[in-house]
Protein backbone atom coordinates (compact mmCIF):
# COMPACT_ATOMS: atom_id res chain seq x y z
CA UNK A 1 0.00 0.00 0.00
CA UNK A 2 1.30 3.48 -0.92
CA UNK A 3 2.28 5.75 1.94
CA UNK A 4 2.41 8.82 -0.31
CA UNK A 5 0.75 11.92 1.07
CA UNK A 6 -0.70 14.25 -1.53
CA UNK A 7 -1.98 17.77 -0.94
CA UNK A 8 -3.75 20.28 -3.14
CA UNK A 9 -2.62 23.88 -2.70
CA UNK A 10 -5.01 26.39 -4.23
CA UNK A 11 -3.28 29.64 -5.17
CA UNK A 12 0.22 28.19 -5.39
CA UNK A 13 1.49 31.09 -7.52
CA UNK A 14 1.04 33.67 -4.73
CA UNK A 15 3.66 34.49 -2.12
CA UNK A 16 1.88 32.59 0.65
CA UNK A 17 0.95 29.70 -1.65
CA UNK A 18 4.55 29.34 -2.80
CA UNK A 19 5.82 29.22 0.79
CA UNK A 20 3.21 26.58 1.65
CA UNK A 21 4.22 24.43 -1.32
CA UNK A 22 7.89 24.58 -0.36
CA UNK A 23 7.20 23.76 3.28
CA UNK A 24 4.89 20.83 2.55
CA UNK A 25 7.31 19.45 -0.04
CA UNK A 26 10.10 19.57 2.54
CA UNK A 27 7.89 17.48 4.83
CA UNK A 28 7.38 14.76 2.23
CA UNK A 29 4.10 15.77 0.58
CA UNK A 30 3.45 15.33 -3.11
CA UNK A 31 1.52 18.30 -4.46
CA UNK A 32 -1.08 19.49 -6.90
CA UNK A 33 -0.24 23.18 -7.30
CA UNK A 34 -3.20 25.22 -8.53
CA UNK A 35 -2.94 28.56 -10.27
CA UNK A 36 -5.13 30.81 -12.39
CA UNK A 37 -2.86 33.18 -14.35
CA UNK A 38 0.51 32.58 -12.65
CA UNK A 39 1.69 29.69 -14.80
CA UNK A 40 5.29 30.87 -15.03
CA UNK A 41 5.62 31.21 -11.25
CA UNK A 42 4.15 27.77 -10.59
CA UNK A 43 6.28 26.09 -13.26
CA UNK A 44 9.34 27.59 -11.59
CA UNK A 45 8.26 26.20 -8.21
CA UNK A 46 7.56 22.81 -9.80
CA UNK A 47 11.05 22.67 -11.31
CA UNK A 48 12.70 23.62 -8.02
CA UNK A 49 10.73 21.12 -5.96
CA UNK A 50 11.25 18.30 -8.47
CA UNK A 51 15.00 18.84 -8.30
CA UNK A 52 15.09 18.95 -4.49
CA UNK A 53 12.58 16.16 -3.71
CA UNK A 54 12.85 13.50 -6.39
CA UNK A 55 10.79 10.93 -4.46
CA UNK A 56 7.67 13.13 -4.55
CA UNK A 57 5.49 14.25 -7.44
CA UNK A 58 4.56 17.85 -8.23
CA UNK A 59 1.83 18.67 -10.72
CA UNK A 60 0.53 22.05 -11.89
CA UNK A 61 -3.22 22.48 -12.43
CA UNK A 62 -4.87 25.58 -13.88
CA UNK A 63 -8.38 26.82 -13.13
CA UNK A 64 -10.12 30.18 -12.97
CA UNK A 65 -12.20 30.13 -9.79
CA UNK A 66 -14.06 33.22 -10.92
CA UNK A 67 -16.04 30.99 -13.30
CA UNK A 68 -19.10 28.90 -12.60
CA UNK A 69 -18.36 25.17 -12.63
CA UNK A 70 -14.64 25.64 -11.96
CA UNK A 71 -14.73 23.28 -8.98
CA UNK A 72 -16.15 20.41 -11.04
CA UNK A 73 -13.58 20.90 -13.79
CA UNK A 74 -10.69 20.98 -11.34
CA UNK A 75 -11.93 17.99 -9.32
CA UNK A 76 -11.86 15.89 -12.50
CA UNK A 77 -8.08 16.40 -12.70
CA UNK A 78 -7.30 15.26 -9.15
CA UNK A 79 -6.81 11.93 -7.39
CA UNK A 80 -5.85 10.75 -3.90
CA UNK A 81 -6.02 14.05 -2.00
CA UNK A 82 -5.33 13.89 1.75
CA UNK A 83 -5.07 17.64 2.37
CA UNK A 84 -6.55 20.76 0.79
CA UNK A 85 -5.04 24.18 1.46
CA UNK A 86 -7.17 27.08 0.25
CA UNK A 87 -4.70 29.92 -0.30
CA UNK A 88 -6.14 31.44 -3.46
CA UNK A 89 -7.95 34.74 -3.57
CA UNK A 90 -8.23 38.24 -4.92
CA UNK A 91 -8.10 41.52 -3.04
CA UNK A 92 -10.54 44.39 -3.49
CA UNK A 93 -9.92 47.87 -2.13
CA UNK A 94 -13.24 49.60 -2.79
CA UNK A 95 -16.02 51.29 -0.94
CA UNK A 96 -19.18 49.19 -0.85
CA UNK A 97 -21.05 51.83 -2.85
CA UNK A 98 -18.46 51.53 -5.63
CA UNK A 99 -18.49 47.72 -5.78
CA UNK A 100 -20.47 46.26 -8.68
CA UNK A 101 -22.66 43.18 -8.54
CA UNK A 102 -20.28 41.41 -10.91
CA UNK A 103 -17.35 42.12 -8.58
CA UNK A 104 -19.33 40.82 -5.62
CA UNK A 105 -20.16 37.62 -7.49
CA UNK A 106 -16.53 37.14 -8.52
CA UNK A 107 -15.27 37.53 -4.95
CA UNK A 108 -17.84 35.03 -3.73
CA UNK A 109 -16.94 32.44 -6.35
CA UNK A 110 -13.18 32.78 -5.85
CA UNK A 111 -13.14 32.77 -2.05
CA UNK A 112 -16.18 30.70 -1.10
CA UNK A 113 -18.35 29.03 -3.72
CA UNK A 114 -15.74 27.20 -5.79
CA UNK A 115 -13.41 26.22 -2.90
CA UNK A 116 -16.35 24.92 -0.85
CA UNK A 117 -17.81 23.06 -3.83
CA UNK A 118 -14.41 21.52 -4.53
CA UNK A 119 -14.11 20.34 -0.93
CA UNK A 120 -17.56 18.78 -1.23
CA UNK A 121 -16.55 16.94 -4.41
CA UNK A 122 -13.30 15.68 -2.84
CA UNK A 123 -14.76 14.83 0.56
CA UNK A 124 -15.24 11.11 -0.12
CA UNK A 125 -11.54 10.84 -0.91
CA UNK A 126 -10.60 12.79 2.20
CA UNK A 127 -12.66 10.38 4.31
CA UNK A 128 -10.71 7.41 2.95
CA UNK A 129 -7.76 8.45 5.15
CA UNK A 130 -7.66 7.97 8.92
CA UNK A 131 -6.75 11.66 9.17
CA UNK A 132 -7.16 14.28 6.46
CA UNK A 133 -7.03 18.05 6.42
CA UNK A 134 -8.69 21.19 5.11
CA UNK A 135 -6.91 24.47 5.84
CA UNK A 136 -8.20 27.87 4.74
CA UNK A 137 -5.95 30.91 4.62
CA UNK A 138 -8.48 33.41 5.88
CA UNK A 139 -7.71 36.95 7.02
CA UNK A 140 -7.63 39.28 9.97
CA UNK A 141 -10.44 41.11 8.14
CA UNK A 142 -12.58 37.99 8.35
CA UNK A 143 -12.41 38.42 12.13
CA UNK A 144 -12.79 42.15 12.56
CA UNK A 145 -13.68 43.69 9.17
CA UNK A 146 -12.09 46.62 7.35
CA UNK A 147 -13.53 49.84 5.96
CA UNK A 148 -12.74 50.08 2.27
CA UNK A 149 -12.61 46.28 2.06
CA UNK A 150 -16.17 45.44 3.03
CA UNK A 151 -16.79 42.73 0.45
CA UNK A 152 -13.34 41.20 0.93
CA UNK A 153 -13.97 41.13 4.69
CA UNK A 154 -17.36 39.54 4.03
CA UNK A 155 -16.05 36.62 1.98
CA UNK A 156 -13.20 36.03 4.43
CA UNK A 157 -15.75 36.00 7.24
CA UNK A 158 -17.73 33.45 5.24
CA UNK A 159 -14.63 31.26 4.99
CA UNK A 160 -14.23 31.38 8.76
CA UNK A 161 -17.90 30.49 9.27
CA UNK A 162 -17.58 27.57 6.86
CA UNK A 163 -14.57 26.23 8.77
CA UNK A 164 -16.47 26.25 12.06
CA UNK A 165 -19.55 24.56 10.59
CA UNK A 166 -17.85 22.02 8.33
CA UNK A 167 -15.45 21.00 11.11
CA UNK A 168 -18.48 19.69 13.03
CA UNK A 169 -19.99 17.96 10.02
CA UNK A 170 -16.76 16.38 8.75
CA UNK A 171 -15.30 15.25 12.08
CA UNK A 172 -16.96 11.83 11.92
CA UNK A 173 -14.97 11.13 8.75
CA UNK A 174 -11.62 12.07 10.28
CA UNK A 175 -11.36 15.39 8.40
CA UNK A 176 -9.77 18.19 10.41
CA UNK A 177 -10.92 21.63 9.24
CA UNK A 178 -9.11 24.76 10.40
CA UNK A 179 -8.13 28.23 9.19
CA UNK A 180 -5.27 30.66 9.60
CA UNK A 181 -6.15 34.36 9.78
CA UNK A 182 -3.01 36.32 8.86
CA UNK A 183 -2.58 40.02 9.44
CA UNK A 184 0.05 41.96 7.46
CA UNK A 185 2.19 39.42 5.61
CA UNK A 186 5.16 40.63 3.57
CA UNK A 187 4.11 39.56 0.07
CA UNK A 188 4.60 41.07 -3.39
CA UNK A 189 1.13 42.62 -3.17
CA UNK A 190 1.97 44.56 0.01
CA UNK A 191 5.24 45.82 -1.46
CA UNK A 192 3.18 48.21 -3.61
CA UNK A 193 1.71 50.02 -0.57
CA UNK A 194 3.28 53.49 0.00
CA UNK A 195 5.89 53.69 2.76
CA UNK A 196 3.91 56.19 4.84
CA UNK A 197 0.83 53.94 4.88
CA UNK A 198 3.00 50.94 5.72
CA UNK A 199 4.57 52.80 8.64
CA UNK A 200 1.12 53.72 10.01
CA UNK A 201 0.14 50.04 10.00
CA UNK A 202 3.37 48.92 11.65
CA UNK A 203 2.71 51.38 14.48
CA UNK A 204 -0.66 49.67 15.09
CA UNK A 205 0.91 46.21 15.38
CA UNK A 206 2.28 45.50 18.90
CA UNK A 207 5.26 43.54 17.54
CA UNK A 208 5.83 46.39 15.04
CA UNK A 209 6.96 44.03 12.28
CA UNK A 210 5.19 42.31 9.38
CA UNK A 211 4.70 38.57 9.17
CA UNK A 212 6.43 36.38 6.59
CA UNK A 213 4.87 33.86 4.18
CA UNK A 214 7.10 31.18 5.76
CA UNK A 215 5.36 31.74 9.09
CA UNK A 216 1.98 31.05 7.50
CA UNK A 217 3.46 27.94 5.89
CA UNK A 218 4.79 26.76 9.26
CA UNK A 219 1.27 26.88 10.69
CA UNK A 220 -0.09 24.96 7.69
CA UNK A 221 2.61 22.36 8.29
CA UNK A 222 1.62 22.10 11.96
CA UNK A 223 -2.07 21.64 11.12
CA UNK A 224 -1.34 18.91 8.55
CA UNK A 225 1.50 17.15 10.39
CA UNK A 226 -0.54 14.97 12.72
CA UNK A 227 0.64 17.02 15.71
CA UNK A 228 -2.61 19.03 15.74
CA UNK A 229 -5.07 16.19 15.13
CA UNK A 230 -7.16 17.04 18.20
CA UNK A 231 -7.74 20.53 16.80
CA UNK A 232 -10.60 21.26 14.44
CA UNK A 233 -12.87 24.23 13.76
CA UNK A 234 -10.25 26.76 14.87
CA UNK A 235 -9.32 30.12 13.33
CA UNK A 236 -5.67 30.67 14.25
CA UNK A 237 -4.64 34.34 14.44
CA UNK A 238 -1.23 35.20 12.99
CA UNK A 239 -1.02 38.97 13.18
CA UNK A 240 1.67 40.16 15.61
CA UNK A 241 -0.98 41.19 18.13
CA UNK A 242 -2.74 43.51 15.66
CA UNK A 243 -6.10 41.93 16.52
CA UNK A 244 -6.48 39.83 19.66
C-alpha atoms as a PDB file:
ATOM      1  CA  UNK A   1       0.000   0.000   0.000  1.00  0.00           C
ATOM      2  CA  UNK A   2       1.301   3.482  -0.924  1.00  0.00           C
ATOM      3  CA  UNK A   3       2.284   5.749   1.941  1.00  0.00           C
ATOM      4  CA  UNK A   4       2.409   8.820  -0.306  1.00  0.00           C
ATOM      5  CA  UNK A   5       0.755  11.918   1.071  1.00  0.00           C
ATOM      6  CA  UNK A   6      -0.697  14.249  -1.534  1.00  0.00           C
ATOM      7  CA  UNK A   7      -1.982  17.766  -0.945  1.00  0.00           C
ATOM      8  CA  UNK A   8      -3.753  20.275  -3.144  1.00  0.00           C
ATOM      9  CA  UNK A   9      -2.615  23.878  -2.701  1.00  0.00           C
ATOM     10  CA  UNK A  10      -5.011  26.394  -4.228  1.00  0.00           C
ATOM     11  CA  UNK A  11      -3.283  29.637  -5.167  1.00  0.00           C
ATOM     12  CA  UNK A  12       0.217  28.188  -5.389  1.00  0.00           C
ATOM     13  CA  UNK A  13       1.489  31.091  -7.521  1.00  0.00           C
ATOM     14  CA  UNK A  14       1.044  33.675  -4.732  1.00  0.00           C
ATOM     15  CA  UNK A  15       3.661  34.487  -2.123  1.00  0.00           C
ATOM     16  CA  UNK A  16       1.880  32.588   0.647  1.00  0.00           C
ATOM     17  CA  UNK A  17       0.953  29.699  -1.649  1.00  0.00           C
ATOM     18  CA  UNK A  18       4.548  29.342  -2.800  1.00  0.00           C
ATOM     19  CA  UNK A  19       5.817  29.216   0.789  1.00  0.00           C
ATOM     20  CA  UNK A  20       3.208  26.583   1.648  1.00  0.00           C
ATOM     21  CA  UNK A  21       4.222  24.428  -1.320  1.00  0.00           C
ATOM     22  CA  UNK A  22       7.894  24.584  -0.362  1.00  0.00           C
ATOM     23  CA  UNK A  23       7.203  23.760   3.276  1.00  0.00           C
ATOM     24  CA  UNK A  24       4.887  20.828   2.548  1.00  0.00           C
ATOM     25  CA  UNK A  25       7.313  19.447  -0.036  1.00  0.00           C
ATOM     26  CA  UNK A  26      10.105  19.566   2.539  1.00  0.00           C
ATOM     27  CA  UNK A  27       7.888  17.480   4.828  1.00  0.00           C
ATOM     28  CA  UNK A  28       7.380  14.760   2.233  1.00  0.00           C
ATOM     29  CA  UNK A  29       4.104  15.765   0.584  1.00  0.00           C
ATOM     30  CA  UNK A  30       3.451  15.334  -3.109  1.00  0.00           C
ATOM     31  CA  UNK A  31       1.517  18.299  -4.456  1.00  0.00           C
ATOM     32  CA  UNK A  32      -1.077  19.492  -6.896  1.00  0.00           C
ATOM     33  CA  UNK A  33      -0.243  23.183  -7.299  1.00  0.00           C
ATOM     34  CA  UNK A  34      -3.201  25.225  -8.527  1.00  0.00           C
ATOM     35  CA  UNK A  35      -2.943  28.562 -10.270  1.00  0.00           C
ATOM     36  CA  UNK A  36      -5.128  30.811 -12.392  1.00  0.00           C
ATOM     37  CA  UNK A  37      -2.857  33.175 -14.345  1.00  0.00           C
ATOM     38  CA  UNK A  38       0.509  32.576 -12.649  1.00  0.00           C
ATOM     39  CA  UNK A  39       1.694  29.691 -14.798  1.00  0.00           C
ATOM     40  CA  UNK A  40       5.294  30.875 -15.031  1.00  0.00           C
ATOM     41  CA  UNK A  41       5.618  31.205 -11.253  1.00  0.00           C
ATOM     42  CA  UNK A  42       4.146  27.765 -10.591  1.00  0.00           C
ATOM     43  CA  UNK A  43       6.278  26.092 -13.257  1.00  0.00           C
ATOM     44  CA  UNK A  44       9.343  27.585 -11.594  1.00  0.00           C
ATOM     45  CA  UNK A  45       8.258  26.202  -8.212  1.00  0.00           C
ATOM     46  CA  UNK A  46       7.563  22.806  -9.801  1.00  0.00           C
ATOM     47  CA  UNK A  47      11.049  22.665 -11.306  1.00  0.00           C
ATOM     48  CA  UNK A  48      12.702  23.617  -8.017  1.00  0.00           C
ATOM     49  CA  UNK A  49      10.732  21.115  -5.958  1.00  0.00           C
ATOM     50  CA  UNK A  50      11.247  18.296  -8.473  1.00  0.00           C
ATOM     51  CA  UNK A  51      14.999  18.844  -8.299  1.00  0.00           C
ATOM     52  CA  UNK A  52      15.085  18.948  -4.491  1.00  0.00           C
ATOM     53  CA  UNK A  53      12.580  16.163  -3.708  1.00  0.00           C
ATOM     54  CA  UNK A  54      12.846  13.498  -6.387  1.00  0.00           C
ATOM     55  CA  UNK A  55      10.790  10.929  -4.462  1.00  0.00           C
ATOM     56  CA  UNK A  56       7.674  13.129  -4.548  1.00  0.00           C
ATOM     57  CA  UNK A  57       5.488  14.253  -7.441  1.00  0.00           C
ATOM     58  CA  UNK A  58       4.562  17.848  -8.233  1.00  0.00           C
ATOM     59  CA  UNK A  59       1.828  18.675 -10.722  1.00  0.00           C
ATOM     60  CA  UNK A  60       0.529  22.050 -11.891  1.00  0.00           C
ATOM     61  CA  UNK A  61      -3.217  22.479 -12.433  1.00  0.00           C
ATOM     62  CA  UNK A  62      -4.872  25.583 -13.875  1.00  0.00           C
ATOM     63  CA  UNK A  63      -8.379  26.821 -13.128  1.00  0.00           C
ATOM     64  CA  UNK A  64     -10.122  30.183 -12.969  1.00  0.00           C
ATOM     65  CA  UNK A  65     -12.203  30.133  -9.787  1.00  0.00           C
ATOM     66  CA  UNK A  66     -14.065  33.219 -10.921  1.00  0.00           C
ATOM     67  CA  UNK A  67     -16.035  30.987 -13.304  1.00  0.00           C
ATOM     68  CA  UNK A  68     -19.103  28.902 -12.596  1.00  0.00           C
ATOM     69  CA  UNK A  69     -18.360  25.172 -12.627  1.00  0.00           C
ATOM     70  CA  UNK A  70     -14.641  25.644 -11.959  1.00  0.00           C
ATOM     71  CA  UNK A  71     -14.726  23.277  -8.984  1.00  0.00           C
ATOM     72  CA  UNK A  72     -16.146  20.414 -11.040  1.00  0.00           C
ATOM     73  CA  UNK A  73     -13.576  20.895 -13.788  1.00  0.00           C
ATOM     74  CA  UNK A  74     -10.686  20.981 -11.341  1.00  0.00           C
ATOM     75  CA  UNK A  75     -11.927  17.991  -9.323  1.00  0.00           C
ATOM     76  CA  UNK A  76     -11.864  15.892 -12.502  1.00  0.00           C
ATOM     77  CA  UNK A  77      -8.079  16.402 -12.700  1.00  0.00           C
ATOM     78  CA  UNK A  78      -7.299  15.262  -9.146  1.00  0.00           C
ATOM     79  CA  UNK A  79      -6.807  11.926  -7.391  1.00  0.00           C
ATOM     80  CA  UNK A  80      -5.854  10.755  -3.901  1.00  0.00           C
ATOM     81  CA  UNK A  81      -6.019  14.046  -2.004  1.00  0.00           C
ATOM     82  CA  UNK A  82      -5.331  13.892   1.746  1.00  0.00           C
ATOM     83  CA  UNK A  83      -5.067  17.642   2.371  1.00  0.00           C
ATOM     84  CA  UNK A  84      -6.554  20.757   0.788  1.00  0.00           C
ATOM     85  CA  UNK A  85      -5.045  24.178   1.459  1.00  0.00           C
ATOM     86  CA  UNK A  86      -7.172  27.083   0.249  1.00  0.00           C
ATOM     87  CA  UNK A  87      -4.696  29.915  -0.296  1.00  0.00           C
ATOM     88  CA  UNK A  88      -6.136  31.440  -3.461  1.00  0.00           C
ATOM     89  CA  UNK A  89      -7.949  34.744  -3.569  1.00  0.00           C
ATOM     90  CA  UNK A  90      -8.226  38.235  -4.925  1.00  0.00           C
ATOM     91  CA  UNK A  91      -8.104  41.516  -3.043  1.00  0.00           C
ATOM     92  CA  UNK A  92     -10.543  44.389  -3.490  1.00  0.00           C
ATOM     93  CA  UNK A  93      -9.919  47.872  -2.131  1.00  0.00           C
ATOM     94  CA  UNK A  94     -13.243  49.600  -2.791  1.00  0.00           C
ATOM     95  CA  UNK A  95     -16.023  51.292  -0.938  1.00  0.00           C
ATOM     96  CA  UNK A  96     -19.177  49.192  -0.850  1.00  0.00           C
ATOM     97  CA  UNK A  97     -21.051  51.829  -2.849  1.00  0.00           C
ATOM     98  CA  UNK A  98     -18.460  51.530  -5.633  1.00  0.00           C
ATOM     99  CA  UNK A  99     -18.495  47.717  -5.784  1.00  0.00           C
ATOM    100  CA  UNK A 100     -20.471  46.261  -8.679  1.00  0.00           C
ATOM    101  CA  UNK A 101     -22.663  43.182  -8.538  1.00  0.00           C
ATOM    102  CA  UNK A 102     -20.279  41.414 -10.906  1.00  0.00           C
ATOM    103  CA  UNK A 103     -17.354  42.119  -8.582  1.00  0.00           C
ATOM    104  CA  UNK A 104     -19.327  40.822  -5.616  1.00  0.00           C
ATOM    105  CA  UNK A 105     -20.155  37.616  -7.488  1.00  0.00           C
ATOM    106  CA  UNK A 106     -16.526  37.142  -8.524  1.00  0.00           C
ATOM    107  CA  UNK A 107     -15.272  37.533  -4.954  1.00  0.00           C
ATOM    108  CA  UNK A 108     -17.844  35.028  -3.726  1.00  0.00           C
ATOM    109  CA  UNK A 109     -16.945  32.439  -6.345  1.00  0.00           C
ATOM    110  CA  UNK A 110     -13.175  32.776  -5.846  1.00  0.00           C
ATOM    111  CA  UNK A 111     -13.143  32.766  -2.047  1.00  0.00           C
ATOM    112  CA  UNK A 112     -16.176  30.698  -1.099  1.00  0.00           C
ATOM    113  CA  UNK A 113     -18.354  29.025  -3.719  1.00  0.00           C
ATOM    114  CA  UNK A 114     -15.743  27.198  -5.790  1.00  0.00           C
ATOM    115  CA  UNK A 115     -13.414  26.225  -2.896  1.00  0.00           C
ATOM    116  CA  UNK A 116     -16.353  24.924  -0.854  1.00  0.00           C
ATOM    117  CA  UNK A 117     -17.815  23.061  -3.826  1.00  0.00           C
ATOM    118  CA  UNK A 118     -14.413  21.521  -4.531  1.00  0.00           C
ATOM    119  CA  UNK A 119     -14.112  20.339  -0.927  1.00  0.00           C
ATOM    120  CA  UNK A 120     -17.556  18.783  -1.234  1.00  0.00           C
ATOM    121  CA  UNK A 121     -16.550  16.943  -4.406  1.00  0.00           C
ATOM    122  CA  UNK A 122     -13.298  15.678  -2.842  1.00  0.00           C
ATOM    123  CA  UNK A 123     -14.763  14.834   0.560  1.00  0.00           C
ATOM    124  CA  UNK A 124     -15.237  11.114  -0.123  1.00  0.00           C
ATOM    125  CA  UNK A 125     -11.541  10.844  -0.914  1.00  0.00           C
ATOM    126  CA  UNK A 126     -10.603  12.787   2.199  1.00  0.00           C
ATOM    127  CA  UNK A 127     -12.660  10.377   4.310  1.00  0.00           C
ATOM    128  CA  UNK A 128     -10.708   7.410   2.946  1.00  0.00           C
ATOM    129  CA  UNK A 129      -7.764   8.446   5.148  1.00  0.00           C
ATOM    130  CA  UNK A 130      -7.662   7.973   8.915  1.00  0.00           C
ATOM    131  CA  UNK A 131      -6.755  11.659   9.168  1.00  0.00           C
ATOM    132  CA  UNK A 132      -7.161  14.284   6.457  1.00  0.00           C
ATOM    133  CA  UNK A 133      -7.034  18.048   6.424  1.00  0.00           C
ATOM    134  CA  UNK A 134      -8.685  21.185   5.106  1.00  0.00           C
ATOM    135  CA  UNK A 135      -6.912  24.468   5.836  1.00  0.00           C
ATOM    136  CA  UNK A 136      -8.203  27.871   4.744  1.00  0.00           C
ATOM    137  CA  UNK A 137      -5.945  30.907   4.619  1.00  0.00           C
ATOM    138  CA  UNK A 138      -8.484  33.410   5.883  1.00  0.00           C
ATOM    139  CA  UNK A 139      -7.707  36.947   7.017  1.00  0.00           C
ATOM    140  CA  UNK A 140      -7.632  39.280   9.975  1.00  0.00           C
ATOM    141  CA  UNK A 141     -10.437  41.108   8.142  1.00  0.00           C
ATOM    142  CA  UNK A 142     -12.583  37.993   8.350  1.00  0.00           C
ATOM    143  CA  UNK A 143     -12.411  38.415  12.126  1.00  0.00           C
ATOM    144  CA  UNK A 144     -12.790  42.154  12.560  1.00  0.00           C
ATOM    145  CA  UNK A 145     -13.681  43.693   9.169  1.00  0.00           C
ATOM    146  CA  UNK A 146     -12.095  46.623   7.354  1.00  0.00           C
ATOM    147  CA  UNK A 147     -13.533  49.843   5.962  1.00  0.00           C
ATOM    148  CA  UNK A 148     -12.740  50.076   2.272  1.00  0.00           C
ATOM    149  CA  UNK A 149     -12.606  46.283   2.058  1.00  0.00           C
ATOM    150  CA  UNK A 150     -16.169  45.438   3.034  1.00  0.00           C
ATOM    151  CA  UNK A 151     -16.791  42.734   0.454  1.00  0.00           C
ATOM    152  CA  UNK A 152     -13.335  41.198   0.931  1.00  0.00           C
ATOM    153  CA  UNK A 153     -13.969  41.133   4.687  1.00  0.00           C
ATOM    154  CA  UNK A 154     -17.356  39.543   4.031  1.00  0.00           C
ATOM    155  CA  UNK A 155     -16.045  36.621   1.978  1.00  0.00           C
ATOM    156  CA  UNK A 156     -13.200  36.029   4.425  1.00  0.00           C
ATOM    157  CA  UNK A 157     -15.749  36.000   7.242  1.00  0.00           C
ATOM    158  CA  UNK A 158     -17.730  33.452   5.240  1.00  0.00           C
ATOM    159  CA  UNK A 159     -14.634  31.258   4.989  1.00  0.00           C
ATOM    160  CA  UNK A 160     -14.231  31.378   8.758  1.00  0.00           C
ATOM    161  CA  UNK A 161     -17.904  30.489   9.273  1.00  0.00           C
ATOM    162  CA  UNK A 162     -17.580  27.566   6.860  1.00  0.00           C
ATOM    163  CA  UNK A 163     -14.566  26.231   8.769  1.00  0.00           C
ATOM    164  CA  UNK A 164     -16.474  26.247  12.056  1.00  0.00           C
ATOM    165  CA  UNK A 165     -19.550  24.561  10.591  1.00  0.00           C
ATOM    166  CA  UNK A 166     -17.852  22.023   8.334  1.00  0.00           C
ATOM    167  CA  UNK A 167     -15.454  20.998  11.105  1.00  0.00           C
ATOM    168  CA  UNK A 168     -18.476  19.686  13.033  1.00  0.00           C
ATOM    169  CA  UNK A 169     -19.990  17.963  10.017  1.00  0.00           C
ATOM    170  CA  UNK A 170     -16.760  16.377   8.750  1.00  0.00           C
ATOM    171  CA  UNK A 171     -15.297  15.251  12.084  1.00  0.00           C
ATOM    172  CA  UNK A 172     -16.957  11.827  11.922  1.00  0.00           C
ATOM    173  CA  UNK A 173     -14.966  11.130   8.750  1.00  0.00           C
ATOM    174  CA  UNK A 174     -11.617  12.070  10.275  1.00  0.00           C
ATOM    175  CA  UNK A 175     -11.357  15.393   8.399  1.00  0.00           C
ATOM    176  CA  UNK A 176      -9.766  18.188  10.412  1.00  0.00           C
ATOM    177  CA  UNK A 177     -10.919  21.630   9.241  1.00  0.00           C
ATOM    178  CA  UNK A 178      -9.107  24.764  10.402  1.00  0.00           C
ATOM    179  CA  UNK A 179      -8.134  28.225   9.192  1.00  0.00           C
ATOM    180  CA  UNK A 180      -5.274  30.655   9.599  1.00  0.00           C
ATOM    181  CA  UNK A 181      -6.151  34.358   9.775  1.00  0.00           C
ATOM    182  CA  UNK A 182      -3.005  36.323   8.862  1.00  0.00           C
ATOM    183  CA  UNK A 183      -2.576  40.023   9.438  1.00  0.00           C
ATOM    184  CA  UNK A 184       0.050  41.961   7.465  1.00  0.00           C
ATOM    185  CA  UNK A 185       2.192  39.421   5.608  1.00  0.00           C
ATOM    186  CA  UNK A 186       5.161  40.629   3.567  1.00  0.00           C
ATOM    187  CA  UNK A 187       4.108  39.561   0.068  1.00  0.00           C
ATOM    188  CA  UNK A 188       4.600  41.068  -3.386  1.00  0.00           C
ATOM    189  CA  UNK A 189       1.128  42.616  -3.166  1.00  0.00           C
ATOM    190  CA  UNK A 190       1.969  44.560   0.010  1.00  0.00           C
ATOM    191  CA  UNK A 191       5.243  45.821  -1.459  1.00  0.00           C
ATOM    192  CA  UNK A 192       3.179  48.211  -3.608  1.00  0.00           C
ATOM    193  CA  UNK A 193       1.708  50.019  -0.567  1.00  0.00           C
ATOM    194  CA  UNK A 194       3.276  53.487   0.002  1.00  0.00           C
ATOM    195  CA  UNK A 195       5.887  53.689   2.759  1.00  0.00           C
ATOM    196  CA  UNK A 196       3.909  56.191   4.842  1.00  0.00           C
ATOM    197  CA  UNK A 197       0.830  53.937   4.884  1.00  0.00           C
ATOM    198  CA  UNK A 198       3.002  50.938   5.723  1.00  0.00           C
ATOM    199  CA  UNK A 199       4.565  52.800   8.643  1.00  0.00           C
ATOM    200  CA  UNK A 200       1.121  53.723  10.010  1.00  0.00           C
ATOM    201  CA  UNK A 201       0.136  50.041  10.004  1.00  0.00           C
ATOM    202  CA  UNK A 202       3.374  48.918  11.645  1.00  0.00           C
ATOM    203  CA  UNK A 203       2.707  51.378  14.480  1.00  0.00           C
ATOM    204  CA  UNK A 204      -0.658  49.668  15.088  1.00  0.00           C
ATOM    205  CA  UNK A 205       0.911  46.205  15.376  1.00  0.00           C
ATOM    206  CA  UNK A 206       2.279  45.496  18.898  1.00  0.00           C
ATOM    207  CA  UNK A 207       5.256  43.538  17.543  1.00  0.00           C
ATOM    208  CA  UNK A 208       5.832  46.394  15.044  1.00  0.00           C
ATOM    209  CA  UNK A 209       6.957  44.032  12.279  1.00  0.00           C
ATOM    210  CA  UNK A 210       5.186  42.305   9.377  1.00  0.00           C
ATOM    211  CA  UNK A 211       4.700  38.575   9.167  1.00  0.00           C
ATOM    212  CA  UNK A 212       6.429  36.384   6.589  1.00  0.00           C
ATOM    213  CA  UNK A 213       4.874  33.856   4.184  1.00  0.00           C
ATOM    214  CA  UNK A 214       7.103  31.182   5.755  1.00  0.00           C
ATOM    215  CA  UNK A 215       5.358  31.741   9.091  1.00  0.00           C
ATOM    216  CA  UNK A 216       1.979  31.053   7.497  1.00  0.00           C
ATOM    217  CA  UNK A 217       3.460  27.945   5.887  1.00  0.00           C
ATOM    218  CA  UNK A 218       4.792  26.758   9.257  1.00  0.00           C
ATOM    219  CA  UNK A 219       1.273  26.877  10.694  1.00  0.00           C
ATOM    220  CA  UNK A 220      -0.089  24.961   7.693  1.00  0.00           C
ATOM    221  CA  UNK A 221       2.606  22.357   8.291  1.00  0.00           C
ATOM    222  CA  UNK A 222       1.617  22.098  11.956  1.00  0.00           C
ATOM    223  CA  UNK A 223      -2.067  21.638  11.117  1.00  0.00           C
ATOM    224  CA  UNK A 224      -1.337  18.907   8.550  1.00  0.00           C
ATOM    225  CA  UNK A 225       1.501  17.150  10.391  1.00  0.00           C
ATOM    226  CA  UNK A 226      -0.541  14.969  12.723  1.00  0.00           C
ATOM    227  CA  UNK A 227       0.644  17.024  15.708  1.00  0.00           C
ATOM    228  CA  UNK A 228      -2.608  19.027  15.736  1.00  0.00           C
ATOM    229  CA  UNK A 229      -5.068  16.187  15.132  1.00  0.00           C
ATOM    230  CA  UNK A 230      -7.162  17.042  18.198  1.00  0.00           C
ATOM    231  CA  UNK A 231      -7.737  20.530  16.798  1.00  0.00           C
ATOM    232  CA  UNK A 232     -10.604  21.262  14.444  1.00  0.00           C
ATOM    233  CA  UNK A 233     -12.865  24.225  13.758  1.00  0.00           C
ATOM    234  CA  UNK A 234     -10.246  26.756  14.871  1.00  0.00           C
ATOM    235  CA  UNK A 235      -9.324  30.119  13.328  1.00  0.00           C
ATOM    236  CA  UNK A 236      -5.674  30.669  14.254  1.00  0.00           C
ATOM    237  CA  UNK A 237      -4.639  34.336  14.439  1.00  0.00           C
ATOM    238  CA  UNK A 238      -1.232  35.203  12.993  1.00  0.00           C
ATOM    239  CA  UNK A 239      -1.022  38.968  13.176  1.00  0.00           C
ATOM    240  CA  UNK A 240       1.671  40.157  15.611  1.00  0.00           C
ATOM    241  CA  UNK A 241      -0.977  41.185  18.125  1.00  0.00           C
ATOM    242  CA  UNK A 242      -2.742  43.505  15.662  1.00  0.00           C
ATOM    243  CA  UNK A 243      -6.104  41.929  16.521  1.00  0.00           C
ATOM    244  CA  UNK A 244      -6.477  39.834  19.662  1.00  0.00           C
END
